[in-house]
Amino acid sequence: QERLVESGGGLVNPGGSLRLSCEASGFNLKFYTVAWFRQAPGKEREAIACVSATGDSRGFAMSAEGRFTVSRDNAKDTVFLQMSTLKPEDTGVYFCAAPSVPLLSACEEDPGRYDWWGPGTQVTVSS
């Protein structure tokens, strides 16, 4: 069974950094587009960034521009979200997601385009 799992969340002071990781079981993540989403309390799930199966990355959230970077390490079969200069408004549960179709070159912002989701990892930015 295909599963994703996120790690790396936690409590961090404003201005700090975190690196989230997304790993898969049941399939080779390196063949799939992976997107990161965030859900803040009381808000809808928001697309943050994506890296395609071909390695092209795309940012979706203007609030994260210049601060968050998505990347993948195919040797480790892992996708990362490097977050820096964190702000309290970055607080939320962060999810990674992948479509069930491999080798897609495009990144989609619509969460409905993704079939496999991790349980999420909590990121709290607070002093």
C-alpha atoms as a PDB file:
ATOM      1  CA  GLN A   1       0.000   0.000   0.000  1.00  0.00           C
ATOM      2  CA  GLU A   2       1.282   3.420  -0.955  1.00  0.00           C
ATOM      3  CA  ARG A   3       2.035   5.684   1.961  1.00  0.00           C
ATOM      4  CA  LEU A   4       3.724   9.006   2.536  1.00  0.00           C
ATOM      5  CA  VAL A   5       5.128  10.248   5.792  1.00  0.00           C
ATOM      6  CA  GLU A   6       6.373  13.690   6.720  1.00  0.00           C
ATOM      7  CA  SER A   7       8.947  14.500   9.379  1.00  0.00           C
ATOM      8  CA  GLY A   8      10.915  17.458  10.638  1.00  0.00           C
ATOM      9  CA  GLY A   9       8.186  19.616  12.102  1.00  0.00           C
ATOM     10  CA  GLY A  10       8.379  21.181  15.531  1.00  0.00           C
ATOM     11  CA  LEU A  11       8.372  24.357  17.540  1.00  0.00           C
ATOM     12  CA  VAL A  12      10.675  27.108  16.292  1.00  0.00           C
ATOM     13  CA  ASN A  13      11.211  30.764  17.138  1.00  0.00           C
ATOM     14  CA  PRO A  14      10.289  33.431  14.608  1.00  0.00           C
ATOM     15  CA  GLY A  15      13.183  33.864  12.203  1.00  0.00           C
ATOM     16  CA  GLY A  16      14.252  30.271  12.607  1.00  0.00           C
ATOM     17  CA  SER A  17      14.472  27.453  10.097  1.00  0.00           C
ATOM     18  CA  LEU A  18      13.174  23.945   9.655  1.00  0.00           C
ATOM     19  CA  ARG A  19      13.612  21.292   7.038  1.00  0.00           C
ATOM     20  CA  LEU A  20      10.699  18.994   6.407  1.00  0.00           C
ATOM     21  CA  SER A  21      11.147  15.610   4.777  1.00  0.00           C
ATOM     22  CA  CYS A  22       8.721  13.468   2.846  1.00  0.00           C
ATOM     23  CA  GLU A  23       9.337   9.764   2.394  1.00  0.00           C
ATOM     24  CA  ALA A  24       7.295   7.041   0.797  1.00  0.00           C
ATOM     25  CA  SER A  25       6.611   3.378   1.319  1.00  0.00           C
ATOM     26  CA  GLY A  26       5.071   1.089  -1.232  1.00  0.00           C
ATOM     27  CA  PHE A  27       6.432   3.040  -4.190  1.00  0.00           C
ATOM     28  CA  ASN A  28       9.527   4.878  -5.373  1.00  0.00           C
ATOM     29  CA  LEU A  29       8.991   8.545  -4.657  1.00  0.00           C
ATOM     30  CA  LYS A  30      11.613   9.581  -7.205  1.00  0.00           C
ATOM     31  CA  PHE A  31       9.215   8.794 -10.056  1.00  0.00           C
ATOM     32  CA  TYR A  32       6.433  11.034  -8.767  1.00  0.00           C
ATOM     33  CA  THR A  33       5.623  14.700  -8.520  1.00  0.00           C
ATOM     34  CA  VAL A  34       5.429  15.762  -4.875  1.00  0.00           C
ATOM     35  CA  ALA A  35       3.732  18.834  -3.494  1.00  0.00           C
ATOM     36  CA  TRP A  36       3.746  20.423  -0.073  1.00  0.00           C
ATOM     37  CA  PHE A  37       0.575  21.843   1.434  1.00  0.00           C
ATOM     38  CA  ARG A  38      -0.095  23.707   4.635  1.00  0.00           C
ATOM     39  CA  GLN A  39      -3.252  23.882   6.689  1.00  0.00           C
ATOM     40  CA  ALA A  40      -3.419  26.580   9.306  1.00  0.00           C
ATOM     41  CA  PRO A  41      -6.019  26.443  12.075  1.00  0.00           C
ATOM     42  CA  GLY A  42      -9.424  27.398  10.706  1.00  0.00           C
ATOM     43  CA  LYS A  43      -8.152  27.780   7.162  1.00  0.00           C
ATOM     44  CA  GLU A  44      -8.269  25.755   3.977  1.00  0.00           C
ATOM     45  CA  ARG A  45      -5.366  23.637   2.836  1.00  0.00           C
ATOM     46  CA  GLU A  46      -2.938  25.804   0.876  1.00  0.00           C
ATOM     47  CA  ALA A  47      -0.420  24.696  -1.735  1.00  0.00           C
ATOM     48  CA  ILE A  48       3.104  25.788  -0.829  1.00  0.00           C
ATOM     49  CA  ALA A  49       5.450  24.314  -3.420  1.00  0.00           C
ATOM     50  CA  CYS A  50       5.960  21.350  -5.678  1.00  0.00           C
ATOM     51  CA  VAL A  51       8.727  19.441  -7.395  1.00  0.00           C
ATOM     52  CA  SER A  52       7.878  17.424 -10.468  1.00  0.00           C
ATOM     53  CA  ALA A  53       9.079  13.958 -11.333  1.00  0.00           C
ATOM     54  CA  THR A  54      11.462  15.591 -13.800  1.00  0.00           C
ATOM     55  CA  GLY A  55      12.949  17.814 -11.103  1.00  0.00           C
ATOM     56  CA  ASP A  56      11.262  21.105 -11.951  1.00  0.00           C
ATOM     57  CA  SER A  57      10.162  23.022  -8.890  1.00  0.00           C
ATOM     58  CA  ARG A  58       7.410  25.550  -8.530  1.00  0.00           C
ATOM     59  CA  GLY A  59       6.278  27.741  -5.679  1.00  0.00           C
ATOM     60  CA  PHE A  60       2.598  28.477  -5.153  1.00  0.00           C
ATOM     61  CA  ALA A  61       2.338  30.537  -2.000  1.00  0.00           C
ATOM     62  CA  MET A  62       3.396  34.168  -2.339  1.00  0.00           C
ATOM     63  CA  SER A  63       3.877  34.253   1.415  1.00  0.00           C
ATOM     64  CA  ALA A  64       6.590  31.607   1.132  1.00  0.00           C
ATOM     65  CA  GLU A  65       8.427  33.107  -1.836  1.00  0.00           C
ATOM     66  CA  GLY A  66      12.106  33.594  -1.143  1.00  0.00           C
ATOM     67  CA  ARG A  67      11.888  31.728   2.164  1.00  0.00           C
ATOM     68  CA  PHE A  68      10.834  28.170   1.299  1.00  0.00           C
ATOM     69  CA  THR A  69      12.601  25.857  -1.120  1.00  0.00           C
ATOM     70  CA  VAL A  70      11.442  22.468  -2.307  1.00  0.00           C
ATOM     71  CA  SER A  71      13.956  19.898  -3.494  1.00  0.00           C
ATOM     72  CA  ARG A  72      14.369  16.206  -3.936  1.00  0.00           C
ATOM     73  CA  ASP A  73      17.181  13.746  -3.341  1.00  0.00           C
ATOM     74  CA  ASN A  74      16.464  10.775  -5.552  1.00  0.00           C
ATOM     75  CA  ALA A  75      19.319   8.791  -4.065  1.00  0.00           C
ATOM     76  CA  LYS A  76      17.516   8.990  -0.728  1.00  0.00           C
ATOM     77  CA  ASP A  77      14.081   8.874  -2.365  1.00  0.00           C
ATOM     78  CA  THR A  78      13.117  11.872  -0.282  1.00  0.00           C
ATOM     79  CA  VAL A  79      11.590  15.280  -0.953  1.00  0.00           C
ATOM     80  CA  PHE A  80      12.430  18.225   1.270  1.00  0.00           C
ATOM     81  CA  LEU A  81      10.895  21.552   2.118  1.00  0.00           C
ATOM     82  CA  GLN A  82      13.518  23.906   3.488  1.00  0.00           C
ATOM     83  CA  MET A  83      11.872  26.718   5.405  1.00  0.00           C
ATOM     84  CA  SER A  84      13.759  29.754   6.609  1.00  0.00           C
ATOM     85  CA  THR A  85      12.919  33.088   8.196  1.00  0.00           C
ATOM     86  CA  LEU A  86       9.835  31.469   9.647  1.00  0.00           C
ATOM     87  CA  LYS A  87       6.954  33.651  10.778  1.00  0.00           C
ATOM     88  CA  PRO A  88       4.097  32.946  13.183  1.00  0.00           C
ATOM     89  CA  GLU A  89       1.737  32.853  10.211  1.00  0.00           C
ATOM     90  CA  ASP A  90       3.645  29.841   8.879  1.00  0.00           C
ATOM     91  CA  THR A  91       2.195  27.822  11.733  1.00  0.00           C
ATOM     92  CA  GLY A  92       0.132  24.865  10.633  1.00  0.00           C
ATOM     93  CA  VAL A  93       0.154  21.238   9.661  1.00  0.00           C
ATOM     94  CA  TYR A  94       2.323  20.544   6.649  1.00  0.00           C
ATOM     95  CA  PHE A  95       1.455  17.714   4.295  1.00  0.00           C
ATOM     96  CA  CYS A  96       3.238  16.162   1.372  1.00  0.00           C
ATOM     97  CA  ALA A  97       1.185  14.650  -1.418  1.00  0.00           C
ATOM     98  CA  ALA A  98       1.701  12.794  -4.668  1.00  0.00           C
ATOM     99  CA  PRO A  99      -0.502  11.878  -7.614  1.00  0.00           C
ATOM    100  CA  SER A 100      -0.911   8.204  -8.387  1.00  0.00           C
ATOM    101  CA  VAL A 101       0.305   8.740 -11.957  1.00  0.00           C
ATOM    102  CA  PRO A 102       4.115   8.610 -12.241  1.00  0.00           C
ATOM    103  CA  LEU A 103       6.494  10.668 -14.354  1.00  0.00           C
ATOM    104  CA  LEU A 104       4.358  13.777 -14.553  1.00  0.00           C
ATOM    105  CA  SER A 105       6.293  16.860 -15.536  1.00  0.00           C
ATOM    106  CA  ALA A 106       3.753  19.373 -14.260  1.00  0.00           C
ATOM    107  CA  CYS A 107       3.007  20.621 -10.763  1.00  0.00           C
ATOM    108  CA  GLU A 108      -0.583  21.263  -9.801  1.00  0.00           C
ATOM    109  CA  GLU A 109      -1.843  23.616  -7.137  1.00  0.00           C
ATOM    110  CA  ASP A 110      -5.212  21.920  -6.685  1.00  0.00           C
ATOM    111  CA  PRO A 111      -5.098  19.418  -3.788  1.00  0.00           C
ATOM    112  CA  GLY A 112      -7.724  17.368  -5.635  1.00  0.00           C
ATOM    113  CA  ARG A 113      -5.016  16.423  -8.128  1.00  0.00           C
ATOM    114  CA  TYR A 114      -3.168  14.424  -5.493  1.00  0.00           C
ATOM    115  CA  ASP A 115      -4.097  10.909  -4.480  1.00  0.00           C
ATOM    116  CA  TRP A 116      -1.612   9.994  -1.780  1.00  0.00           C
ATOM    117  CA  TRP A 117      -1.161  12.098   1.316  1.00  0.00           C
ATOM    118  CA  GLY A 118       0.915  11.877   4.437  1.00  0.00           C
ATOM    119  CA  PRO A 119      -0.622  12.378   7.900  1.00  0.00           C
ATOM    120  CA  GLY A 120       1.086  15.756   8.238  1.00  0.00           C
ATOM    121  CA  THR A 121       3.673  17.244  10.536  1.00  0.00           C
ATOM    122  CA  GLN A 122       2.973  20.157  12.865  1.00  0.00           C
ATOM    123  CA  VAL A 123       5.023  23.331  12.511  1.00  0.00           C
ATOM    124  CA  THR A 124       4.591  25.947  15.203  1.00  0.00           C
ATOM    125  CA  VAL A 125       6.376  29.277  14.957  1.00  0.00           C
ATOM    126  CA  SER A 126       6.208  31.086  18.248  1.00  0.00           C
ATOM    127  CA  SER A 127       8.412  32.778  20.791  1.00  0.00           C
END
